[in-house]
Amino acid sequence: MSRFTELLELVQSFEKDFIKFYDKGNKSAGTRVRKHMADLKRKAQEIRVEVQEIKGVGKQQEGTTSESSQTTEN
């Protein structure tokens, strides 16, 4: 399952509580909405960290390639 699909399903799972709170004024649903938003924040942070790690691996590979080419040129 892709990260985008995970994120999409997570947001879609919040829909009932959003409707109950915003359209019907259900205060208990509002509490659940706040919890859902905290879950979303945690998931977003996980994805941000993963993206940064993947970017870092790419930079490391580029760095070793350019370092080795500089060494062979000298």
PDB file of N, CA and C in Angstrom:
ATOM      1  N   MET A   1       0.846  -1.179   0.000  1.00  0.00           N
ATOM      2  CA  MET A   1       0.000   0.000   0.000  1.00  0.00           C
ATOM      3  C   MET A   1       0.893   1.243   0.000  1.00  0.00           C
ATOM      4  N   SER A   2       0.591   2.143  -0.882  1.00  0.00           N
ATOM      5  CA  SER A   2       1.414   3.351  -0.970  1.00  0.00           C
ATOM      6  C   SER A   2       1.115   4.296   0.194  1.00  0.00           C
ATOM      7  N   ARG A   3       2.056   5.142   0.486  1.00  0.00           N
ATOM      8  CA  ARG A   3       1.881   6.117   1.572  1.00  0.00           C
ATOM      9  C   ARG A   3       0.701   7.038   1.279  1.00  0.00           C
ATOM     10  N   PHE A   4       0.522   7.411   0.003  1.00  0.00           N
ATOM     11  CA  PHE A   4      -0.583   8.291  -0.361  1.00  0.00           C
ATOM     12  C   PHE A   4      -1.916   7.613  -0.080  1.00  0.00           C
ATOM     13  N   THR A   5      -2.033   6.337  -0.418  1.00  0.00           N
ATOM     14  CA  THR A   5      -3.268   5.595  -0.174  1.00  0.00           C
ATOM     15  C   THR A   5      -3.537   5.497   1.324  1.00  0.00           C
ATOM     16  N   GLU A   6      -2.502   5.234   2.105  1.00  0.00           N
ATOM     17  CA  GLU A   6      -2.655   5.188   3.565  1.00  0.00           C
ATOM     18  C   GLU A   6      -3.212   6.506   4.085  1.00  0.00           C
ATOM     19  N   LEU A   7      -2.630   7.586   3.623  1.00  0.00           N
ATOM     20  CA  LEU A   7      -3.037   8.915   4.065  1.00  0.00           C
ATOM     21  C   LEU A   7      -4.479   9.208   3.654  1.00  0.00           C
ATOM     22  N   LEU A   8      -4.819   8.857   2.430  1.00  0.00           N
ATOM     23  CA  LEU A   8      -6.166   9.079   1.916  1.00  0.00           C
ATOM     24  C   LEU A   8      -7.198   8.298   2.725  1.00  0.00           C
ATOM     25  N   GLU A   9      -6.914   7.029   3.004  1.00  0.00           N
ATOM     26  CA  GLU A   9      -7.833   6.206   3.789  1.00  0.00           C
ATOM     27  C   GLU A   9      -7.976   6.737   5.210  1.00  0.00           C
ATOM     28  N   LEU A  10      -6.894   7.224   5.777  1.00  0.00           N
ATOM     29  CA  LEU A  10      -6.942   7.794   7.121  1.00  0.00           C
ATOM     30  C   LEU A  10      -7.890   8.992   7.154  1.00  0.00           C
ATOM     31  N   VAL A  11      -7.746   9.887   6.202  1.00  0.00           N
ATOM     32  CA  VAL A  11      -8.592  11.081   6.155  1.00  0.00           C
ATOM     33  C   VAL A  11     -10.052  10.695   5.898  1.00  0.00           C
ATOM     34  N   GLN A  12     -10.284   9.744   5.012  1.00  0.00           N
ATOM     35  CA  GLN A  12     -11.651   9.323   4.715  1.00  0.00           C
ATOM     36  C   GLN A  12     -12.320   8.693   5.933  1.00  0.00           C
ATOM     37  N   SER A  13     -11.543   8.059   6.797  1.00  0.00           N
ATOM     38  CA  SER A  13     -12.110   7.435   7.991  1.00  0.00           C
ATOM     39  C   SER A  13     -12.627   8.473   8.996  1.00  0.00           C
ATOM     40  N   PHE A  14     -12.247   9.721   8.838  1.00  0.00           N
ATOM     41  CA  PHE A  14     -12.681  10.788   9.747  1.00  0.00           C
ATOM     42  C   PHE A  14     -14.038  11.372   9.357  1.00  0.00           C
ATOM     43  N   GLU A  15     -14.508  11.081   8.164  1.00  0.00           N
ATOM     44  CA  GLU A  15     -15.654  11.786   7.590  1.00  0.00           C
ATOM     45  C   GLU A  15     -16.892  11.794   8.483  1.00  0.00           C
ATOM     46  N   LYS A  16     -17.276  10.646   9.039  1.00  0.00           N
ATOM     47  CA  LYS A  16     -18.499  10.580   9.848  1.00  0.00           C
ATOM     48  C   LYS A  16     -18.438  11.539  11.036  1.00  0.00           C
ATOM     49  N   ASP A  17     -17.298  11.550  11.725  1.00  0.00           N
ATOM     50  CA  ASP A  17     -17.177  12.421  12.893  1.00  0.00           C
ATOM     51  C   ASP A  17     -17.161  13.896  12.496  1.00  0.00           C
ATOM     52  N   PHE A  18     -16.556  14.227  11.363  1.00  0.00           N
ATOM     53  CA  PHE A  18     -16.580  15.613  10.881  1.00  0.00           C
ATOM     54  C   PHE A  18     -18.018  16.056  10.616  1.00  0.00           C
ATOM     55  N   ILE A  19     -18.783  15.200   9.959  1.00  0.00           N
ATOM     56  CA  ILE A  19     -20.182  15.531   9.654  1.00  0.00           C
ATOM     57  C   ILE A  19     -20.974  15.686  10.944  1.00  0.00           C
ATOM     58  N   LYS A  20     -20.800  14.743  11.868  1.00  0.00           N
ATOM     59  CA  LYS A  20     -21.533  14.813  13.135  1.00  0.00           C
ATOM     60  C   LYS A  20     -21.215  16.094  13.891  1.00  0.00           C
ATOM     61  N   PHE A  21     -19.949  16.497  13.880  1.00  0.00           N
ATOM     62  CA  PHE A  21     -19.575  17.693  14.628  1.00  0.00           C
ATOM     63  C   PHE A  21     -19.986  18.971  13.912  1.00  0.00           C
ATOM     64  N   TYR A  22     -19.565  19.129  12.652  1.00  0.00           N
ATOM     65  CA  TYR A  22     -19.787  20.393  11.952  1.00  0.00           C
ATOM     66  C   TYR A  22     -21.229  20.586  11.492  1.00  0.00           C
ATOM     67  N   ASP A  23     -21.903  19.524  11.080  1.00  0.00           N
ATOM     68  CA  ASP A  23     -23.265  19.678  10.573  1.00  0.00           C
ATOM     69  C   ASP A  23     -24.325  19.507  11.656  1.00  0.00           C
ATOM     70  N   LYS A  24     -24.067  18.622  12.624  1.00  0.00           N
ATOM     71  CA  LYS A  24     -25.083  18.309  13.627  1.00  0.00           C
ATOM     72  C   LYS A  24     -24.764  18.864  15.011  1.00  0.00           C
ATOM     73  N   GLY A  25     -23.539  19.382  15.194  1.00  0.00           N
ATOM     74  CA  GLY A  25     -23.179  19.989  16.469  1.00  0.00           C
ATOM     75  C   GLY A  25     -22.899  19.005  17.589  1.00  0.00           C
ATOM     76  N   ASN A  26     -22.601  17.765  17.272  1.00  0.00           N
ATOM     77  CA  ASN A  26     -22.326  16.740  18.271  1.00  0.00           C
ATOM     78  C   ASN A  26     -20.953  16.999  18.903  1.00  0.00           C
ATOM     79  N   LYS A  27     -20.956  17.354  20.191  1.00  0.00           N
ATOM     80  CA  LYS A  27     -19.705  17.713  20.868  1.00  0.00           C
ATOM     81  C   LYS A  27     -18.772  16.516  21.062  1.00  0.00           C
ATOM     82  N   SER A  28     -19.322  15.333  21.269  1.00  0.00           N
ATOM     83  CA  SER A  28     -18.482  14.137  21.406  1.00  0.00           C
ATOM     84  C   SER A  28     -17.734  13.857  20.109  1.00  0.00           C
ATOM     85  N   ALA A  29     -18.392  14.100  18.996  1.00  0.00           N
ATOM     86  CA  ALA A  29     -17.734  13.925  17.693  1.00  0.00           C
ATOM     87  C   ALA A  29     -16.603  14.938  17.552  1.00  0.00           C
ATOM     88  N   GLY A  30     -16.766  16.115  18.136  1.00  0.00           N
ATOM     89  CA  GLY A  30     -15.711  17.126  18.104  1.00  0.00           C
ATOM     90  C   GLY A  30     -14.449  16.643  18.795  1.00  0.00           C
ATOM     91  N   THR A  31     -14.633  15.928  19.901  1.00  0.00           N
ATOM     92  CA  THR A  31     -13.491  15.349  20.614  1.00  0.00           C
ATOM     93  C   THR A  31     -12.789  14.326  19.727  1.00  0.00           C
ATOM     94  N   ARG A  32     -13.583  13.514  19.041  1.00  0.00           N
ATOM     95  CA  ARG A  32     -13.000  12.518  18.138  1.00  0.00           C
ATOM     96  C   ARG A  32     -12.297  13.186  16.958  1.00  0.00           C
ATOM     97  N   VAL A  33     -12.857  14.284  16.463  1.00  0.00           N
ATOM     98  CA  VAL A  33     -12.220  15.025  15.366  1.00  0.00           C
ATOM     99  C   VAL A  33     -10.836  15.502  15.803  1.00  0.00           C
ATOM    100  N   ARG A  34     -10.747  16.022  17.021  1.00  0.00           N
ATOM    101  CA  ARG A  34      -9.446  16.479  17.526  1.00  0.00           C
ATOM    102  C   ARG A  34      -8.454  15.310  17.606  1.00  0.00           C
ATOM    103  N   LYS A  35      -8.934  14.138  18.041  1.00  0.00           N
ATOM    104  CA  LYS A  35      -8.073  12.951  18.104  1.00  0.00           C
ATOM    105  C   LYS A  35      -7.631  12.553  16.698  1.00  0.00           C
ATOM    106  N   HIS A  36      -8.569  12.559  15.762  1.00  0.00           N
ATOM    107  CA  HIS A  36      -8.232  12.217  14.371  1.00  0.00           C
ATOM    108  C   HIS A  36      -7.169  13.169  13.820  1.00  0.00           C
ATOM    109  N   MET A  37      -7.301  14.436  14.140  1.00  0.00           N
ATOM    110  CA  MET A  37      -6.339  15.418  13.635  1.00  0.00           C
ATOM    111  C   MET A  37      -4.950  15.179  14.236  1.00  0.00           C
ATOM    112  N   ALA A  38      -4.907  14.754  15.496  1.00  0.00           N
ATOM    113  CA  ALA A  38      -3.619  14.420  16.116  1.00  0.00           C
ATOM    114  C   ALA A  38      -3.004  13.198  15.424  1.00  0.00           C
ATOM    115  N   ASP A  39      -3.860  12.212  15.087  1.00  0.00           N
ATOM    116  CA  ASP A  39      -3.384  11.034  14.356  1.00  0.00           C
ATOM    117  C   ASP A  39      -2.833  11.433  12.991  1.00  0.00           C
ATOM    118  N   LEU A  40      -3.527  12.344  12.330  1.00  0.00           N
ATOM    119  CA  LEU A  40      -3.087  12.832  11.026  1.00  0.00           C
ATOM    120  C   LEU A  40      -1.734  13.535  11.137  1.00  0.00           C
ATOM    121  N   LYS A  41      -1.573  14.305  12.193  1.00  0.00           N
ATOM    122  CA  LYS A  41      -0.305  15.007  12.416  1.00  0.00           C
ATOM    123  C   LYS A  41       0.841  14.006  12.596  1.00  0.00           C
ATOM    124  N   ARG A  42       0.588  12.950  13.375  1.00  0.00           N
ATOM    125  CA  ARG A  42       1.613  11.919  13.584  1.00  0.00           C
ATOM    126  C   ARG A  42       1.973  11.225  12.267  1.00  0.00           C
ATOM    127  N   LYS A  43       0.954  10.891  11.477  1.00  0.00           N
ATOM    128  CA  LYS A  43       1.189  10.225  10.192  1.00  0.00           C
ATOM    129  C   LYS A  43       1.969  11.148   9.254  1.00  0.00           C
ATOM    130  N   ALA A  44       1.617  12.423   9.238  1.00  0.00           N
ATOM    131  CA  ALA A  44       2.324  13.387   8.390  1.00  0.00           C
ATOM    132  C   ALA A  44       3.791  13.474   8.802  1.00  0.00           C
ATOM    133  N   GLN A  45       4.058  13.471  10.088  1.00  0.00           N
ATOM    134  CA  GLN A  45       5.445  13.534  10.565  1.00  0.00           C
ATOM    135  C   GLN A  45       6.215  12.284  10.153  1.00  0.00           C
ATOM    136  N   GLU A  46       5.566  11.111  10.250  1.00  0.00           N
ATOM    137  CA  GLU A  46       6.217   9.870   9.817  1.00  0.00           C
ATOM    138  C   GLU A  46       6.628   9.968   8.351  1.00  0.00           C
ATOM    139  N   ILE A  47       5.716  10.465   7.533  1.00  0.00           N
ATOM    140  CA  ILE A  47       5.984  10.576   6.102  1.00  0.00           C
ATOM    141  C   ILE A  47       7.091  11.591   5.849  1.00  0.00           C
ATOM    142  N   ARG A  48       7.081  12.709   6.567  1.00  0.00           N
ATOM    143  CA  ARG A  48       8.131  13.720   6.403  1.00  0.00           C
ATOM    144  C   ARG A  48       9.501  13.131   6.726  1.00  0.00           C
ATOM    145  N   VAL A  49       9.584  12.363   7.804  1.00  0.00           N
ATOM    146  CA  VAL A  49      10.853  11.744   8.199  1.00  0.00           C
ATOM    147  C   VAL A  49      11.301  10.747   7.133  1.00  0.00           C
ATOM    148  N   GLU A  50      10.352   9.947   6.645  1.00  0.00           N
ATOM    149  CA  GLU A  50      10.678   8.963   5.617  1.00  0.00           C
ATOM    150  C   GLU A  50      11.192   9.639   4.340  1.00  0.00           C
ATOM    151  N   VAL A  51      10.539  10.703   3.924  1.00  0.00           N
ATOM    152  CA  VAL A  51      10.969  11.438   2.729  1.00  0.00           C
ATOM    153  C   VAL A  51      12.377  11.978   2.927  1.00  0.00           C
ATOM    154  N   GLN A  52      12.637  12.545   4.092  1.00  0.00           N
ATOM    155  CA  GLN A  52      13.963  13.104   4.368  1.00  0.00           C
ATOM    156  C   GLN A  52      15.033  12.011   4.350  1.00  0.00           C
ATOM    157  N   GLU A  53      14.695  10.837   4.899  1.00  0.00           N
ATOM    158  CA  GLU A  53      15.651   9.723   4.889  1.00  0.00           C
ATOM    159  C   GLU A  53      15.948   9.280   3.460  1.00  0.00           C
ATOM    160  N   ILE A  54      14.910   9.176   2.644  1.00  0.00           N
ATOM    161  CA  ILE A  54      15.095   8.762   1.252  1.00  0.00           C
ATOM    162  C   ILE A  54      15.932   9.792   0.505  1.00  0.00           C
ATOM    163  N   LYS A  55      15.659  11.068   0.739  1.00  0.00           N
ATOM    164  CA  LYS A  55      16.455  12.122   0.108  1.00  0.00           C
ATOM    165  C   LYS A  55      17.904  12.040   0.566  1.00  0.00           C
ATOM    166  N   GLY A  56      18.118  11.743   1.831  1.00  0.00           N
ATOM    167  CA  GLY A  56      19.469  11.650   2.383  1.00  0.00           C
ATOM    168  C   GLY A  56      20.252  10.516   1.766  1.00  0.00           C
ATOM    169  N   VAL A  57      19.609   9.387   1.531  1.00  0.00           N
ATOM    170  CA  VAL A  57      20.273   8.247   0.905  1.00  0.00           C
ATOM    171  C   VAL A  57      20.698   8.627  -0.503  1.00  0.00           C
ATOM    172  N   GLY A  58      19.855   9.336  -1.224  1.00  0.00           N
ATOM    173  CA  GLY A  58      20.195   9.778  -2.574  1.00  0.00           C
ATOM    174  C   GLY A  58      21.388  10.707  -2.570  1.00  0.00           C
ATOM    175  N   LYS A  59      21.442  11.617  -1.610  1.00  0.00           N
ATOM    176  CA  LYS A  59      22.573  12.545  -1.514  1.00  0.00           C
ATOM    177  C   LYS A  59      23.856  11.804  -1.175  1.00  0.00           C
ATOM    178  N   GLN A  60      23.756  10.806  -0.291  1.00  0.00           N
ATOM    179  CA  GLN A  60      24.942  10.040   0.084  1.00  0.00           C
ATOM    180  C   GLN A  60      25.493   9.298  -1.126  1.00  0.00           C
ATOM    181  N   GLN A  61      24.600   8.710  -1.919  1.00  0.00           N
ATOM    182  CA  GLN A  61      25.046   7.981  -3.104  1.00  0.00           C
ATOM    183  C   GLN A  61      25.675   8.931  -4.110  1.00  0.00           C
ATOM    184  N   GLU A  62      25.084  10.103  -4.285  1.00  0.00           N
ATOM    185  CA  GLU A  62      25.646  11.096  -5.199  1.00  0.00           C
ATOM    186  C   GLU A  62      27.008  11.564  -4.700  1.00  0.00           C
ATOM    187  N   GLY A  63      27.129  11.748  -3.396  1.00  0.00           N
ATOM    188  CA  GLY A  63      28.383  12.209  -2.807  1.00  0.00           C
ATOM    189  C   GLY A  63      29.501  11.211  -3.000  1.00  0.00           C
ATOM    190  N   THR A  64      29.219   9.933  -2.814  1.00  0.00           N
ATOM    191  CA  THR A  64      30.266   8.928  -2.987  1.00  0.00           C
ATOM    192  C   THR A  64      30.640   8.783  -4.450  1.00  0.00           C
ATOM    193  N   THR A  65      29.690   8.936  -5.336  1.00  0.00           N
ATOM    194  CA  THR A  65      29.981   8.852  -6.768  1.00  0.00           C
ATOM    195  C   THR A  65      30.855  10.015  -7.205  1.00  0.00           C
ATOM    196  N   SER A  66      30.516  11.222  -6.779  1.00  0.00           N
ATOM    197  CA  SER A  66      31.308  12.382  -7.188  1.00  0.00           C
ATOM    198  C   SER A  66      32.683  12.375  -6.521  1.00  0.00           C
ATOM    199  N   GLU A  67      32.765  11.870  -5.291  1.00  0.00           N
ATOM    200  CA  GLU A  67      34.059  11.782  -4.618  1.00  0.00           C
ATOM    201  C   GLU A  67      34.967  10.793  -5.338  1.00  0.00           C
ATOM    202  N   SER A  68      34.422   9.653  -5.740  1.00  0.00           N
ATOM    203  CA  SER A  68      35.248   8.650  -6.409  1.00  0.00           C
ATOM    204  C   SER A  68      35.674   9.128  -7.788  1.00  0.00           C
ATOM    205  N   SER A  69      34.819   9.885  -8.474  1.00  0.00           N
ATOM    206  CA  SER A  69      35.208  10.395  -9.790  1.00  0.00           C
ATOM    207  C   SER A  69      36.278  11.470  -9.652  1.00  0.00           C
ATOM    208  N   GLN A  70      36.234  12.247  -8.583  1.00  0.00           N
ATOM    209  CA  GLN A  70      37.264  13.258  -8.359  1.00  0.00           C
ATOM    210  C   GLN A  70      38.594  12.595  -8.050  1.00  0.00           C
ATOM    211  N   THR A  71      38.560  11.497  -7.315  1.00  0.00           N
ATOM    212  CA  THR A  71      39.777  10.789  -6.952  1.00  0.00           C
ATOM    213  C   THR A  71      40.436  10.194  -8.194  1.00  0.00           C
ATOM    214  N   THR A  72      39.635   9.631  -9.090  1.00  0.00           N
ATOM    215  CA  THR A  72      40.211   9.022 -10.287  1.00  0.00           C
ATOM    216  C   THR A  72      40.728  10.065 -11.265  1.00  0.00           C
ATOM    217  N   GLU A  73      40.153  11.275 -11.227  1.00  0.00           N
ATOM    218  CA  GLU A  73      40.606  12.332 -12.118  1.00  0.00           C
ATOM    219  C   GLU A  73      41.970  12.866 -11.699  1.00  0.00           C
ATOM    220  N   ASN A  74      42.241  12.879 -10.405  1.00  0.00           N
ATOM    221  CA  ASN A  74      43.506  13.435  -9.910  1.00  0.00           C
ATOM    222  C   ASN A  74      44.620  12.501 -10.088  1.00  0.00           C
TER     223      ASN A  74
END
